[in-house]
Protein backbone atom coordinates (compact mmCIF):
# COMPACT_ATOMS: atom_id res chain seq x y z
CA MET A 1 -0.24 -0.37 0.12
CA ILE A 2 1.54 3.49 -1.04
CA ARG A 3 1.29 6.53 1.46
CA LEU A 4 1.44 9.71 -0.02
CA GLY A 5 2.50 12.12 2.87
CA ALA A 6 0.99 14.97 3.74
CA SER A 7 3.63 17.72 2.14
CA PHE A 8 2.77 15.65 -1.27
CA LEU A 9 -1.10 15.92 -0.72
CA LEU A 10 -0.41 19.56 0.49
CA GLY A 11 1.33 20.27 -2.75
CA LEU A 12 -1.07 18.39 -5.20
CA LEU A 13 -4.54 20.61 -3.33
CA ALA A 14 -1.55 23.82 -3.58
CA ALA A 15 -1.22 22.88 -7.39
CA HIS A 16 -5.03 22.21 -7.81
CA ALA A 17 -6.03 25.62 -6.55
CA GLN A 18 -3.16 27.79 -7.87
CA ALA A 19 -4.73 26.03 -11.44
CA ALA A 20 -8.15 27.16 -10.59
CA ALA A 21 -7.52 30.29 -10.23
CA ARG A 22 -5.59 30.66 -13.70
CA GLU A 23 -9.21 30.31 -14.67
CA ALA A 24 -10.87 33.22 -15.82
CA ASP A 25 -14.05 34.41 -14.33
CA VAL A 26 -15.54 34.60 -18.12
CA ALA A 27 -18.61 36.71 -17.05
CA LYS A 28 -16.08 39.75 -15.99
CA ALA A 29 -14.24 39.04 -19.30
CA ALA A 30 -17.69 39.30 -21.03
CA ASP A 31 -18.53 42.70 -19.45
CA ALA A 32 -14.67 44.66 -20.35
CA ILE A 33 -15.58 43.27 -24.17
CA VAL A 34 -19.01 45.52 -24.09
CA ALA A 35 -16.79 48.29 -22.00
CA GLY A 36 -14.01 47.64 -24.47
CA THR A 37 -15.90 47.94 -27.54
CA ASN A 38 -17.87 51.01 -26.71
CA ALA A 39 -14.87 53.37 -25.70
CA PHE A 40 -13.74 51.97 -29.28
CA ARG A 41 -16.62 53.78 -30.65
CA ARG A 42 -16.39 56.43 -29.14
CA GLU A 43 -12.42 56.93 -30.21
CA HIS A 44 -14.62 56.83 -33.41
CA GLU A 45 -17.09 59.61 -32.76
CA LEU A 46 -20.15 56.02 -32.88
CA PRO A 47 -22.33 55.94 -30.13
CA ALA A 48 -21.92 53.00 -27.23
CA LEU A 49 -24.17 49.94 -27.62
CA ARG A 50 -26.41 48.86 -25.14
CA VAL A 51 -26.77 44.95 -24.48
CA HIS A 52 -29.58 43.31 -25.50
CA PRO A 53 -30.71 40.30 -23.21
CA LYS A 54 -31.94 38.02 -26.66
CA LEU A 55 -28.26 38.90 -28.37
CA GLU A 56 -26.57 38.18 -24.90
CA ALA A 57 -27.89 35.24 -24.76
CA THR A 58 -28.05 33.85 -28.32
CA ALA A 59 -24.12 34.79 -27.94
CA ARG A 60 -24.21 32.33 -24.45
CA GLU A 61 -25.71 29.66 -26.08
CA PHE A 62 -23.06 29.21 -29.46
CA ALA A 63 -19.96 30.36 -27.28
CA ARG A 64 -21.59 26.91 -24.71
CA TYR A 65 -21.57 24.98 -28.69
CA MET A 66 -18.46 25.47 -29.49
CA ALA A 67 -16.75 25.05 -25.91
CA SER A 68 -18.50 21.54 -25.76
CA THR A 69 -18.25 20.05 -29.25
CA ASN A 70 -14.08 22.14 -29.62
CA ARG A 71 -16.09 23.22 -33.17
CA TYR A 72 -14.97 26.31 -34.65
CA GLY A 73 -16.72 29.30 -37.04
CA HIS A 74 -19.49 30.88 -37.61
CA GLU A 75 -21.15 28.45 -38.65
CA ALA A 76 -20.34 25.62 -36.08
CA ASP A 77 -23.84 24.35 -35.63
CA GLY A 78 -24.92 24.04 -38.79
CA ARG A 79 -26.90 27.76 -38.60
CA HIS A 80 -25.80 31.60 -39.99
CA PRO A 81 -25.52 34.60 -36.77
CA GLU A 82 -28.80 35.76 -37.78
CA ASP A 83 -30.82 32.29 -37.73
CA ARG A 84 -29.71 32.21 -33.88
CA ALA A 85 -30.53 34.93 -32.79
CA GLN A 86 -33.91 34.89 -34.34
CA ALA A 87 -34.33 31.45 -32.15
CA GLN A 88 -33.86 33.84 -29.59
CA GLY A 89 -36.90 35.62 -30.45
CA TYR A 90 -34.78 38.94 -31.62
CA GLY A 91 -36.01 39.96 -34.84
CA TYR A 92 -33.72 41.49 -36.07
CA CYS A 93 -33.08 43.76 -39.25
CA ILE A 94 -28.98 43.75 -38.87
CA VAL A 95 -26.85 40.42 -37.04
CA LEU A 96 -22.81 40.73 -36.95
CA GLU A 97 -20.97 38.46 -35.03
CA ASN A 98 -17.08 38.37 -34.30
CA VAL A 99 -16.02 34.41 -33.05
CA ALA A 100 -12.71 33.77 -31.44
CA TYR A 101 -10.83 31.19 -29.59
CA ARG A 102 -8.25 31.98 -26.84
CA PHE A 103 -5.64 29.51 -24.92
CA ASP A 104 -2.59 29.51 -22.48
CA SER A 105 -1.23 27.42 -20.59
CA ARG A 106 -0.35 29.40 -18.25
CA GLY A 107 -3.85 29.79 -17.29
CA PHE A 108 -6.60 33.37 -18.18
CA GLU A 109 -6.80 36.43 -15.82
CA ALA A 110 -10.21 37.93 -17.12
CA MET A 111 -8.78 41.16 -18.74
CA ARG A 112 -6.23 39.56 -19.71
CA LEU A 113 -8.60 37.56 -21.54
CA ALA A 114 -10.34 40.14 -23.00
CA LEU A 115 -7.61 42.88 -23.97
CA ASP A 116 -6.07 40.15 -26.00
CA VAL A 117 -9.82 39.10 -26.99
CA LEU A 118 -10.65 42.90 -28.13
CA GLU A 119 -6.98 44.01 -29.51
CA GLY A 120 -7.57 40.43 -32.16
CA TRP A 121 -10.70 41.65 -33.66
CA LYS A 122 -9.54 45.49 -33.75
CA GLY A 123 -6.63 44.12 -35.82
CA SER A 124 -8.83 41.96 -38.20
CA PRO A 125 -10.38 44.28 -40.84
CA GLY A 126 -14.03 42.31 -40.80
CA HIS A 127 -13.68 42.33 -37.04
CA ARG A 128 -12.97 45.53 -37.10
CA LYS A 129 -16.06 46.79 -39.54
CA ASN A 130 -18.35 44.57 -37.22
CA MET A 131 -16.77 46.85 -34.05
CA LEU A 132 -17.29 49.79 -35.63
CA ASP A 133 -20.92 49.67 -37.82
CA ALA A 134 -22.33 53.25 -37.48
CA SER A 135 -25.86 51.11 -38.39
CA VAL A 136 -26.49 48.19 -35.17
CA ARG A 137 -27.18 50.11 -31.79
CA ASP A 138 -26.88 46.64 -29.71
CA THR A 139 -24.99 43.95 -28.68
CA GLY A 140 -24.21 40.60 -27.07
CA VAL A 141 -21.05 39.20 -25.56
CA ALA A 142 -20.58 35.71 -23.82
CA ILE A 143 -17.40 32.92 -23.35
CA ALA A 144 -17.38 29.83 -22.61
CA ARG A 145 -14.18 27.59 -21.81
CA SER A 146 -13.27 24.12 -22.76
CA ALA A 147 -13.20 20.90 -20.33
CA ALA A 148 -11.34 18.92 -23.14
CA ASN A 149 -8.56 21.08 -23.85
CA GLY A 150 -9.12 24.70 -21.66
CA TYR A 151 -9.62 26.81 -25.03
CA TYR A 152 -12.00 30.05 -24.59
CA TYR A 153 -14.59 30.62 -26.81
CA SER A 154 -16.04 33.92 -27.60
CA VAL A 155 -18.85 35.54 -29.69
CA GLN A 156 -19.92 39.20 -29.76
CA LEU A 157 -22.59 40.05 -31.67
CA PHE A 158 -24.20 43.56 -32.98
CA GLY A 159 -27.64 44.34 -34.33
CA LEU A 160 -30.70 46.52 -35.21
CA PRO A 161 -33.83 45.38 -34.19
CA ARG A 162 -36.32 45.47 -36.79
CA GLU A 163 -38.92 47.49 -35.56
CA ALA A 164 -36.18 50.39 -36.04
CA SER A 165 -35.72 50.02 -39.82
CA VAL A 166 -37.24 52.93 -42.43
CA ARG A 167 -39.70 52.24 -44.64
CA PHE A 168 -40.94 54.54 -46.67
CA GLU A 169 -43.37 54.66 -50.23
CA VAL A 170 -42.25 55.83 -53.45
CA ARG A 171 -45.56 56.62 -55.86
CA ASN A 172 -45.72 57.84 -59.10
CA GLU A 173 -48.47 59.56 -60.21
CA SER A 174 -47.80 61.13 -63.74
CA ARG A 175 -47.27 59.26 -66.91
CA ARG A 176 -43.80 58.19 -67.14
CA THR A 177 -41.61 55.59 -65.99
CA VAL A 178 -39.22 57.23 -63.38
CA ARG A 179 -35.98 55.90 -62.71
CA TYR A 180 -34.70 56.16 -58.22
CA ARG A 181 -32.09 54.84 -56.50
CA VAL A 182 -31.92 53.94 -53.21
CA GLY A 183 -28.54 53.48 -51.81
CA ASP A 184 -26.94 51.41 -54.66
CA ASP A 185 -30.22 49.69 -55.86
CA ALA A 186 -31.58 51.59 -58.51
CA PHE A 187 -35.32 50.46 -59.12
CA ASP A 188 -37.94 51.95 -62.24
CA VAL A 189 -41.58 52.45 -61.38
CA PRO A 190 -43.93 53.11 -63.68
CA PRO A 191 -46.95 55.50 -63.81
CA ARG A 192 -49.65 55.04 -61.50
CA TYR A 193 -47.34 52.52 -59.14
CA SER A 194 -45.73 52.58 -55.67
CA ARG A 195 -43.25 50.79 -54.33
CA THR A 196 -42.87 50.40 -50.65
CA HIS A 197 -38.46 49.51 -48.76
CA GLU A 198 -38.03 48.90 -45.81
CA MET A 199 -34.12 49.96 -45.29
CA CYS A 200 -31.42 48.54 -42.29
CA ALA A 201 -28.71 51.20 -43.10
CA PRO A 202 -29.20 54.87 -43.31
CA GLY A 203 -29.10 56.00 -47.60
CA ALA A 204 -29.60 58.38 -50.12
CA LEU A 205 -33.18 58.37 -51.97
CA ARG A 206 -31.84 59.66 -55.18
CA PHE A 207 -34.68 60.60 -58.37
CA GLU A 208 -32.88 60.78 -61.52
CA GLN A 209 -33.96 63.87 -63.82
CA VAL A 210 -36.85 64.83 -61.96
CA ALA A 211 -37.26 68.39 -60.50
CA GLY A 212 -36.07 69.63 -58.39
CA ALA A 213 -34.95 66.35 -56.73
CA GLU A 214 -32.53 66.36 -54.31
CA ASP A 215 -31.12 63.38 -52.55
CA ALA A 216 -32.59 62.91 -49.09
CA PRO A 217 -32.59 60.19 -46.32
CA PRO A 218 -35.51 58.61 -45.96
CA LYS A 219 -37.22 59.02 -42.74
CA SER A 220 -39.61 56.31 -41.51
CA GLY A 221 -43.10 57.13 -42.68
CA ASP A 222 -42.26 58.87 -45.65
CA ARG A 223 -43.84 59.49 -49.00
CA PHE A 224 -42.58 60.86 -51.97
CA VAL A 225 -44.18 61.53 -54.40
CA ILE A 226 -43.53 61.51 -58.17
CA ALA A 227 -45.79 64.26 -60.07
CA PRO A 228 -45.88 65.67 -63.56
CA ALA A 229 -44.26 68.97 -63.55
CA GLY A 230 -44.73 70.78 -67.50
CA ASP A 231 -43.30 68.74 -69.85
CA ARG A 232 -41.10 66.68 -66.96
CA VAL A 233 -42.02 65.76 -63.19
CA SER A 234 -41.61 66.34 -59.18
CA VAL A 235 -40.97 64.80 -56.06
CA GLN A 236 -42.75 66.04 -53.17
CA ARG A 237 -41.87 64.71 -49.40
CA ARG A 238 -44.91 63.89 -47.90
C-alpha cells in the first residue's frame, strides 16, 4: 500500500488551487469586452451599444456549443448568426457576429483574456468593421471554456432590431416611368404605381432626371410622390 505524505498532498492541493485561480472569470471578461468595444466606438465618434438580453443569450448558447464540441466558426452548428438570434426571439434588421478562441497553458486572468480578444478583433479588418458599424445599436457577448482542452471561445453579436428599420413609399402619379436609387440599388417605378421599401442601414434616395429632386435620407413613414411638372416631373415628400 502506497502512503502519500502530508507535504505531497498539500502540494497537490496547492497546485489545484493555483490552476483554478488561473481560470478566467468569463462573465467579467465578457463585461470588459462590451466596455472595450464601446470605448473603441467612442474613439471613432460612434454611439455606445446597449447589451440586449436576447443577443446575450444567443452569444452564450453559441459559445457553450463551441466549447462543448470544440467546433469553431460562424456556422459551426450548421446555422447562420441571424438564425441563432431569431431563434432566441431577436427580430432583426441587422445581425453581425465576431468569434474568437484563445488558449494559454499558463491560464488567463479575466481582463487579460478580454484585452487579448479585443485587440485581435481590432486588428482583423472584418471584425473591426463589425465593431465600428454605425447602423447597429445592440450587442451581446459571452465566453465559454472547453473542459476538454482549456480553450476559451468568445462570441460577440451586433444587432439592429426590426422595429428600428426605415419604411417609406415611392408613388408615381405621373405618366412616365421614373428611375431612382436607394443606396446603390436602382429601381424603375411605372406610371400609377407605388413601391414600399424597408431600409436597415441609412442611405440616400436619389431620383434621376426629376425637377428639383435632391438626395434625401428617408425617414420611416415618408411618402415620396412623383407628380407631373409641365413636360417633366417633380417629387414631393409627404
